[in-house]
Amino acid sequence: MEPRALSILPVEKAPSCKKSRATSNRLVGGYRFKRHFLVTILIVKNLIISIGLCLISINTFAFEIFALGTSNTNCKNAGQAYTVRLNDLLATDKINASVINAGVDGDRPTFMMGRLERGLKDYPNTKLVIFEPGPNERNPRFSLGPTEEILGYLQKIQMPTIYVSHSTIQSDKEADEMAKKYGAFHYGDWRKGVPLDREHRQFDMGSSGGHMTVQGCQLWAKNMLPLVEQVIKDKNLK
């Protein structure tokens, strides 16, 4: 038997090192491009979200209304119901403002100027001040004097102001004249339009009625709303 001839299969050439390196470089380059592309997308996405949140924040609290006053403004024992309710009513009417409660129990006009200046620094976007000097200081020299000083200061810095008077300190006519003198809007007596009954008053200071209840403070806010909105419109506050 004759021996069979062995058939020799052709041997494939191994890829050159140059081709391997080129392929590897293309893979690495593609991976880097993809990674950089994804990182860029994430950065842009986060930037858009941040800008959106800032716009929402600016829109939500476009400006502040600084309510400077006594325990009346603070709604003593009634959970700050006046400023809280006023804030809610403005929001319902699509007015982007935040009402700041700067009412301090027992405060007097003599000490309010310092609080006002600090408050305007703390809330630099304040566009309107509601000023209620209160009845705690009965001596006209230390009540009406500092009250006029504060109204004069607000006029000087061109700050729109609503003046809330108290009938135990000055008559409605006197308060109206004082407000006009300093370019302020006079709301009237703080108790205007609020019934003298136990639903609206706490009677914590004798027969005068004392501080308002939650319902009383909320009614005060409702009564105040039209004037606040009028000032916002007249002064084009934004």
C-alpha atoms as a PDB file:
ATOM      1  CA  MET A   1       0.000   0.000   0.000  1.00  0.00           C
ATOM      2  CA  GLU A   2       1.399   3.325  -1.025  1.00  0.00           C
ATOM      3  CA  PRO A   3       1.612   5.958   1.672  1.00  0.00           C
ATOM      4  CA  ARG A   4      -0.841   8.852   1.326  1.00  0.00           C
ATOM      5  CA  ALA A   5       0.540  12.270   0.685  1.00  0.00           C
ATOM      6  CA  LEU A   6      -0.070  14.639   3.525  1.00  0.00           C
ATOM      7  CA  SER A   7      -2.059  17.739   2.553  1.00  0.00           C
ATOM      8  CA  ILE A   8      -0.736  20.938   4.022  1.00  0.00           C
ATOM      9  CA  LEU A   9      -3.396  23.489   4.934  1.00  0.00           C
ATOM     10  CA  PRO A  10      -2.596  27.138   4.325  1.00  0.00           C
ATOM     11  CA  VAL A  11      -1.646  28.954   7.474  1.00  0.00           C
ATOM     12  CA  GLU A  12      -3.518  32.222   8.139  1.00  0.00           C
ATOM     13  CA  LYS A  13      -1.374  35.154   8.933  1.00  0.00           C
ATOM     14  CA  ALA A  14      -1.750  36.539  12.436  1.00  0.00           C
ATOM     15  CA  PRO A  15      -2.922  40.163  12.527  1.00  0.00           C
ATOM     16  CA  SER A  16      -0.097  42.569  12.692  1.00  0.00           C
ATOM     17  CA  CYS A  17       0.664  44.464  15.861  1.00  0.00           C
ATOM     18  CA  LYS A  18      -0.078  47.704  14.050  1.00  0.00           C
ATOM     19  CA  LYS A  19      -3.627  46.570  13.212  1.00  0.00           C
ATOM     20  CA  SER A  20      -4.204  45.336  16.788  1.00  0.00           C
ATOM     21  CA  ARG A  21      -3.063  48.630  18.199  1.00  0.00           C
ATOM     22  CA  ALA A  22      -5.251  50.574  15.785  1.00  0.00           C
ATOM     23  CA  THR A  23      -8.295  48.512  16.714  1.00  0.00           C
ATOM     24  CA  SER A  24      -7.531  48.923  20.412  1.00  0.00           C
ATOM     25  CA  ASN A  25      -7.112  52.673  19.984  1.00  0.00           C
ATOM     26  CA  ARG A  26     -10.458  52.894  18.196  1.00  0.00           C
ATOM     27  CA  LEU A  27     -12.157  51.012  21.040  1.00  0.00           C
ATOM     28  CA  VAL A  28     -10.531  53.137  23.723  1.00  0.00           C
ATOM     29  CA  GLY A  29     -11.286  56.313  21.796  1.00  0.00           C
ATOM     30  CA  GLY A  30     -14.900  55.305  21.385  1.00  0.00           C
ATOM     31  CA  TYR A  31     -15.247  54.520  25.071  1.00  0.00           C
ATOM     32  CA  ARG A  32     -13.737  57.867  26.060  1.00  0.00           C
ATOM     33  CA  PHE A  33     -16.019  59.749  23.661  1.00  0.00           C
ATOM     34  CA  LYS A  34     -19.064  57.918  25.014  1.00  0.00           C
ATOM     35  CA  ARG A  35     -18.030  58.606  28.609  1.00  0.00           C
ATOM     36  CA  HIS A  36     -17.413  62.308  27.939  1.00  0.00           C
ATOM     37  CA  PHE A  37     -20.708  62.539  26.070  1.00  0.00           C
ATOM     38  CA  LEU A  38     -22.629  61.048  29.016  1.00  0.00           C
ATOM     39  CA  VAL A  39     -20.844  63.297  31.513  1.00  0.00           C
ATOM     40  CA  THR A  40     -21.707  66.341  29.388  1.00  0.00           C
ATOM     41  CA  ILE A  41     -25.358  65.300  29.254  1.00  0.00           C
ATOM     42  CA  LEU A  42     -25.444  64.927  33.053  1.00  0.00           C
ATOM     43  CA  ILE A  43     -23.861  68.355  33.564  1.00  0.00           C
ATOM     44  CA  VAL A  44     -26.314  70.029  31.196  1.00  0.00           C
ATOM     45  CA  LYS A  45     -29.239  68.180  32.805  1.00  0.00           C
ATOM     46  CA  ASN A  46     -28.208  69.279  36.317  1.00  0.00           C
ATOM     47  CA  LEU A  47     -27.701  72.842  35.083  1.00  0.00           C
ATOM     48  CA  ILE A  48     -31.203  72.931  33.583  1.00  0.00           C
ATOM     49  CA  ILE A  49     -32.692  71.560  36.824  1.00  0.00           C
ATOM     50  CA  SER A  50     -30.816  74.162  38.914  1.00  0.00           C
ATOM     51  CA  ILE A  51     -31.976  77.024  36.689  1.00  0.00           C
ATOM     52  CA  GLY A  52     -35.524  75.700  36.838  1.00  0.00           C
ATOM     53  CA  LEU A  53     -35.467  75.532  40.636  1.00  0.00           C
ATOM     54  CA  CYS A  54     -34.112  79.068  40.838  1.00  0.00           C
ATOM     55  CA  LEU A  55     -36.859  80.338  38.552  1.00  0.00           C
ATOM     56  CA  ILE A  56     -39.482  78.534  40.610  1.00  0.00           C
ATOM     57  CA  SER A  57     -38.055  80.048  43.796  1.00  0.00           C
ATOM     58  CA  ILE A  58     -38.009  83.544  42.307  1.00  0.00           C
ATOM     59  CA  ASN A  59     -41.529  83.096  41.005  1.00  0.00           C
ATOM     60  CA  THR A  60     -42.845  81.779  44.303  1.00  0.00           C
ATOM     61  CA  PHE A  61     -41.468  84.600  46.435  1.00  0.00           C
ATOM     62  CA  ALA A  62     -41.112  87.516  44.024  1.00  0.00           C
ATOM     63  CA  PHE A  63     -40.970  90.074  46.862  1.00  0.00           C
ATOM     64  CA  GLU A  64     -41.573  90.463  50.586  1.00  0.00           C
ATOM     65  CA  ILE A  65     -44.152  92.437  52.539  1.00  0.00           C
ATOM     66  CA  PHE A  66     -42.684  93.425  55.909  1.00  0.00           C
ATOM     67  CA  ALA A  67     -45.381  93.652  58.608  1.00  0.00           C
ATOM     68  CA  LEU A  68     -43.829  95.714  61.410  1.00  0.00           C
ATOM     69  CA  GLY A  69     -45.838  96.003  64.618  1.00  0.00           C
ATOM     70  CA  THR A  70     -46.787  94.845  68.071  1.00  0.00           C
ATOM     71  CA  SER A  71     -48.627  91.835  69.494  1.00  0.00           C
ATOM     72  CA  ASN A  72     -51.564  92.891  67.295  1.00  0.00           C
ATOM     73  CA  THR A  73     -49.549  92.146  64.160  1.00  0.00           C
ATOM     74  CA  ASN A  74     -48.099  89.060  65.824  1.00  0.00           C
ATOM     75  CA  CYS A  75     -51.637  87.915  66.725  1.00  0.00           C
ATOM     76  CA  LYS A  76     -50.633  87.033  70.272  1.00  0.00           C
ATOM     77  CA  ASN A  77     -51.962  83.616  71.351  1.00  0.00           C
ATOM     78  CA  ALA A  78     -53.493  83.149  67.899  1.00  0.00           C
ATOM     79  CA  GLY A  79     -50.678  81.523  65.960  1.00  0.00           C
ATOM     80  CA  GLN A  80     -49.643  84.471  63.772  1.00  0.00           C
ATOM     81  CA  ALA A  81     -53.017  84.069  62.051  1.00  0.00           C
ATOM     82  CA  TYR A  82     -53.053  87.592  60.573  1.00  0.00           C
ATOM     83  CA  THR A  83     -49.844  87.459  58.515  1.00  0.00           C
ATOM     84  CA  VAL A  84     -50.319  83.764  57.696  1.00  0.00           C
ATOM     85  CA  ARG A  85     -53.836  84.386  56.398  1.00  0.00           C
ATOM     86  CA  LEU A  86     -52.785  87.471  54.443  1.00  0.00           C
ATOM     87  CA  ASN A  87     -50.041  85.435  52.815  1.00  0.00           C
ATOM     88  CA  ASP A  88     -52.551  82.723  51.825  1.00  0.00           C
ATOM     89  CA  LEU A  89     -55.029  85.254  50.420  1.00  0.00           C
ATOM     90  CA  LEU A  90     -52.351  86.853  48.249  1.00  0.00           C
ATOM     91  CA  ALA A  91     -51.302  83.431  46.965  1.00  0.00           C
ATOM     92  CA  THR A  92     -54.921  82.631  46.103  1.00  0.00           C
ATOM     93  CA  ASP A  93     -55.029  85.808  44.022  1.00  0.00           C
ATOM     94  CA  LYS A  94     -51.812  84.745  42.218  1.00  0.00           C
ATOM     95  CA  ILE A  95     -49.711  87.483  43.814  1.00  0.00           C
ATOM     96  CA  ASN A  96     -46.168  86.270  44.351  1.00  0.00           C
ATOM     97  CA  ALA A  97     -45.350  87.790  47.704  1.00  0.00           C
ATOM     98  CA  SER A  98     -44.275  86.536  51.108  1.00  0.00           C
ATOM     99  CA  VAL A  99     -45.645  88.320  54.188  1.00  0.00           C
ATOM    100  CA  ILE A 100     -43.027  88.606  56.947  1.00  0.00           C
ATOM    101  CA  ASN A 101     -44.360  88.692  60.505  1.00  0.00           C
ATOM    102  CA  ALA A 102     -42.302  91.358  62.303  1.00  0.00           C
ATOM    103  CA  GLY A 103     -44.768  91.822  65.145  1.00  0.00           C
ATOM    104  CA  VAL A 104     -43.261  91.732  68.648  1.00  0.00           C
ATOM    105  CA  ASP A 105     -45.398  91.460  71.775  1.00  0.00           C
ATOM    106  CA  GLY A 106     -45.211  94.597  73.938  1.00  0.00           C
ATOM    107  CA  ASP A 107     -43.078  96.569  71.484  1.00  0.00           C
ATOM    108  CA  ARG A 108     -43.197 100.365  71.251  1.00  0.00           C
ATOM    109  CA  PRO A 109     -42.467 102.779  68.372  1.00  0.00           C
ATOM    110  CA  THR A 110     -39.271 103.965  70.103  1.00  0.00           C
ATOM    111  CA  PHE A 111     -37.693 100.552  69.534  1.00  0.00           C
ATOM    112  CA  MET A 112     -39.156  99.815  66.111  1.00  0.00           C
ATOM    113  CA  MET A 113     -36.753 101.839  63.965  1.00  0.00           C
ATOM    114  CA  GLY A 114     -33.871  99.532  64.784  1.00  0.00           C
ATOM    115  CA  ARG A 115     -35.981  96.472  64.057  1.00  0.00           C
ATOM    116  CA  LEU A 116     -37.125  98.002  60.776  1.00  0.00           C
ATOM    117  CA  GLU A 117     -33.586  98.711  59.582  1.00  0.00           C
ATOM    118  CA  ARG A 118     -32.421  95.206  60.513  1.00  0.00           C
ATOM    119  CA  GLY A 119     -35.501  93.679  58.914  1.00  0.00           C
ATOM    120  CA  LEU A 120     -34.955  95.461  55.611  1.00  0.00           C
ATOM    121  CA  LYS A 121     -31.379  94.175  55.595  1.00  0.00           C
ATOM    122  CA  ASP A 122     -32.525  90.634  56.354  1.00  0.00           C
ATOM    123  CA  TYR A 123     -35.213  90.854  53.667  1.00  0.00           C
ATOM    124  CA  PRO A 124     -33.620  92.983  50.924  1.00  0.00           C
ATOM    125  CA  ASN A 125     -36.427  92.176  48.501  1.00  0.00           C
ATOM    126  CA  THR A 126     -39.027  93.974  50.640  1.00  0.00           C
ATOM    127  CA  LYS A 127     -41.283  96.109  48.438  1.00  0.00           C
ATOM    128  CA  LEU A 128     -44.011  97.041  50.937  1.00  0.00           C
ATOM    129  CA  VAL A 129     -44.145  97.756  54.685  1.00  0.00           C
ATOM    130  CA  ILE A 130     -47.288  97.451  56.806  1.00  0.00           C
ATOM    131  CA  PHE A 131     -46.579  99.599  59.869  1.00  0.00           C
ATOM    132  CA  GLU A 132     -48.647  99.141  63.058  1.00  0.00           C
ATOM    133  CA  PRO A 133     -47.077 101.119  65.958  1.00  0.00           C
ATOM    134  CA  GLY A 134     -49.716  99.874  68.408  1.00  0.00           C
ATOM    135  CA  PRO A 135     -51.144 101.241  71.669  1.00  0.00           C
ATOM    136  CA  ASN A 136     -48.419 100.188  74.118  1.00  0.00           C
ATOM    137  CA  GLU A 137     -46.887 103.661  74.432  1.00  0.00           C
ATOM    138  CA  ARG A 138     -49.554 106.156  75.571  1.00  0.00           C
ATOM    139  CA  ASN A 139     -47.226 109.156  75.899  1.00  0.00           C
ATOM    140  CA  PRO A 140     -47.582 111.091  72.575  1.00  0.00           C
ATOM    141  CA  ARG A 141     -43.976 112.225  72.748  1.00  0.00           C
ATOM    142  CA  PHE A 142     -42.707 108.642  72.717  1.00  0.00           C
ATOM    143  CA  SER A 143     -45.472 107.290  70.518  1.00  0.00           C
ATOM    144  CA  LEU A 144     -46.322 109.775  67.764  1.00  0.00           C
ATOM    145  CA  GLY A 145     -42.771 111.184  67.604  1.00  0.00           C
ATOM    146  CA  PRO A 146     -41.054 107.874  66.768  1.00  0.00           C
ATOM    147  CA  THR A 147     -44.027 106.905  64.566  1.00  0.00           C
ATOM    148  CA  GLU A 148     -43.465 110.003  62.422  1.00  0.00           C
ATOM    149  CA  GLU A 149     -39.728 109.267  62.376  1.00  0.00           C
ATOM    150  CA  ILE A 150     -40.382 105.801  60.980  1.00  0.00           C
ATOM    151  CA  LEU A 151     -42.884 107.062  58.400  1.00  0.00           C
ATOM    152  CA  GLY A 152     -40.384 109.749  57.373  1.00  0.00           C
ATOM    153  CA  TYR A 153     -37.614 107.173  56.991  1.00  0.00           C
ATOM    154  CA  LEU A 154     -39.823 104.929  54.843  1.00  0.00           C
ATOM    155  CA  GLN A 155     -40.731 107.904  52.668  1.00  0.00           C
ATOM    156  CA  LYS A 156     -37.051 108.830  52.309  1.00  0.00           C
ATOM    157  CA  ILE A 157     -36.113 105.362  51.038  1.00  0.00           C
ATOM    158  CA  GLN A 158     -39.222 105.388  48.809  1.00  0.00           C
ATOM    159  CA  MET A 159     -40.739 102.342  50.468  1.00  0.00           C
ATOM    160  CA  PRO A 160     -44.505 101.988  49.875  1.00  0.00           C
ATOM    161  CA  THR A 161     -46.145 101.913  53.303  1.00  0.00           C
ATOM    162  CA  ILE A 162     -49.526 101.070  54.781  1.00  0.00           C
ATOM    163  CA  TYR A 163     -50.062 102.790  58.110  1.00  0.00           C
ATOM    164  CA  VAL A 164     -52.281 101.016  60.685  1.00  0.00           C
ATOM    165  CA  SER A 165     -53.376 103.349  63.480  1.00  0.00           C
ATOM    166  CA  HIS A 166     -54.934 102.859  66.919  1.00  0.00           C
ATOM    167  CA  SER A 167     -57.838 104.975  68.173  1.00  0.00           C
ATOM    168  CA  THR A 168     -56.448 105.173  71.719  1.00  0.00           C
ATOM    169  CA  ILE A 169     -53.419 107.069  70.361  1.00  0.00           C
ATOM    170  CA  GLN A 170     -54.912 109.295  67.657  1.00  0.00           C
ATOM    171  CA  SER A 171     -58.206 109.862  65.887  1.00  0.00           C
ATOM    172  CA  ASP A 172     -58.876 108.471  62.456  1.00  0.00           C
ATOM    173  CA  LYS A 173     -58.615 111.978  60.989  1.00  0.00           C
ATOM    174  CA  GLU A 174     -55.277 112.648  62.693  1.00  0.00           C
ATOM    175  CA  ALA A 175     -53.890 109.313  61.521  1.00  0.00           C
ATOM    176  CA  ASP A 176     -55.106 109.963  57.984  1.00  0.00           C
ATOM    177  CA  GLU A 177     -53.357 113.348  57.916  1.00  0.00           C
ATOM    178  CA  MET A 178     -50.139 111.837  59.263  1.00  0.00           C
ATOM    179  CA  ALA A 179     -50.173 109.107  56.621  1.00  0.00           C
ATOM    180  CA  LYS A 180     -50.702 111.647  53.826  1.00  0.00           C
ATOM    181  CA  LYS A 181     -47.909 113.828  55.181  1.00  0.00           C
ATOM    182  CA  TYR A 182     -45.429 110.998  54.616  1.00  0.00           C
ATOM    183  CA  GLY A 183     -46.952 109.564  51.450  1.00  0.00           C
ATOM    184  CA  ALA A 184     -48.289 106.455  53.203  1.00  0.00           C
ATOM    185  CA  PHE A 185     -51.615 104.685  52.736  1.00  0.00           C
ATOM    186  CA  HIS A 186     -53.814 104.792  55.833  1.00  0.00           C
ATOM    187  CA  TYR A 187     -55.674 101.565  56.583  1.00  0.00           C
ATOM    188  CA  GLY A 188     -57.500 102.938  59.609  1.00  0.00           C
ATOM    189  CA  ASP A 189     -57.792 101.546  63.122  1.00  0.00           C
ATOM    190  CA  TRP A 190     -56.464  97.985  63.349  1.00  0.00           C
ATOM    191  CA  ARG A 191     -59.814  96.754  64.732  1.00  0.00           C
ATOM    192  CA  LYS A 192     -61.829  98.204  61.840  1.00  0.00           C
ATOM    193  CA  GLY A 193     -64.516  95.788  60.665  1.00  0.00           C
ATOM    194  CA  VAL A 194     -63.806  93.172  63.360  1.00  0.00           C
ATOM    195  CA  PRO A 195     -66.763  92.514  65.716  1.00  0.00           C
ATOM    196  CA  LEU A 196     -66.305  93.004  69.456  1.00  0.00           C
ATOM    197  CA  ASP A 197     -67.395  89.512  70.469  1.00  0.00           C
ATOM    198  CA  ARG A 198     -65.789  86.359  71.845  1.00  0.00           C
ATOM    199  CA  GLU A 199     -65.562  84.748  68.454  1.00  0.00           C
ATOM    200  CA  HIS A 200     -63.238  87.479  67.233  1.00  0.00           C
ATOM    201  CA  ARG A 201     -61.663  88.880  70.430  1.00  0.00           C
ATOM    202  CA  GLN A 202     -59.881  87.178  73.334  1.00  0.00           C
ATOM    203  CA  PHE A 203     -60.981  89.640  76.042  1.00  0.00           C
ATOM    204  CA  ASP A 204     -57.582  89.113  77.666  1.00  0.00           C
ATOM    205  CA  MET A 205     -57.261  92.811  78.553  1.00  0.00           C
ATOM    206  CA  GLY A 206     -60.624  93.702  80.035  1.00  0.00           C
ATOM    207  CA  SER A 207     -63.770  94.972  78.364  1.00  0.00           C
ATOM    208  CA  SER A 208     -61.860  96.610  75.508  1.00  0.00           C
ATOM    209  CA  GLY A 209     -61.660  93.219  73.847  1.00  0.00           C
ATOM    210  CA  GLY A 210     -57.897  92.820  73.936  1.00  0.00           C
ATOM    211  CA  HIS A 211     -56.157  90.760  71.292  1.00  0.00           C
ATOM    212  CA  MET A 212     -57.944  89.094  68.420  1.00  0.00           C
ATOM    213  CA  THR A 213     -58.697  85.403  68.222  1.00  0.00           C
ATOM    214  CA  VAL A 214     -57.656  83.324  65.224  1.00  0.00           C
ATOM    215  CA  GLN A 215     -60.971  84.190  63.550  1.00  0.00           C
ATOM    216  CA  GLY A 216     -60.460  87.877  64.337  1.00  0.00           C
ATOM    217  CA  CYS A 217     -56.933  87.915  62.922  1.00  0.00           C
ATOM    218  CA  GLN A 218     -58.063  86.115  59.783  1.00  0.00           C
ATOM    219  CA  LEU A 219     -60.867  88.638  59.310  1.00  0.00           C
ATOM    220  CA  TRP A 220     -58.373  91.477  59.755  1.00  0.00           C
ATOM    221  CA  ALA A 221     -56.237  89.942  56.995  1.00  0.00           C
ATOM    222  CA  LYS A 222     -59.297  89.709  54.744  1.00  0.00           C
ATOM    223  CA  ASN A 223     -60.137  93.368  55.429  1.00  0.00           C
ATOM    224  CA  MET A 224     -56.519  94.398  54.775  1.00  0.00           C
ATOM    225  CA  LEU A 225     -56.237  92.502  51.467  1.00  0.00           C
ATOM    226  CA  PRO A 226     -57.954  95.049  49.156  1.00  0.00           C
ATOM    227  CA  LEU A 227     -55.652  97.882  50.276  1.00  0.00           C
ATOM    228  CA  VAL A 228     -52.547  95.696  49.958  1.00  0.00           C
ATOM    229  CA  GLU A 229     -53.551  94.705  46.432  1.00  0.00           C
ATOM    230  CA  GLN A 230     -54.343  98.335  45.583  1.00  0.00           C
ATOM    231  CA  VAL A 231     -50.866  99.449  46.697  1.00  0.00           C
ATOM    232  CA  ILE A 232     -49.243  96.596  44.772  1.00  0.00           C
ATOM    233  CA  LYS A 233     -51.123  97.670  41.653  1.00  0.00           C
ATOM    234  CA  ASP A 234     -50.619 101.427  42.077  1.00  0.00           C
ATOM    235  CA  LYS A 235     -46.904 101.056  42.796  1.00  0.00           C
ATOM    236  CA  ASN A 236     -46.455  98.293  40.200  1.00  0.00           C
ATOM    237  CA  LEU A 237     -44.725  96.059  42.729  1.00  0.00           C
ATOM    238  CA  LYS A 238     -43.179  92.913  41.262  1.00  0.00           C
END
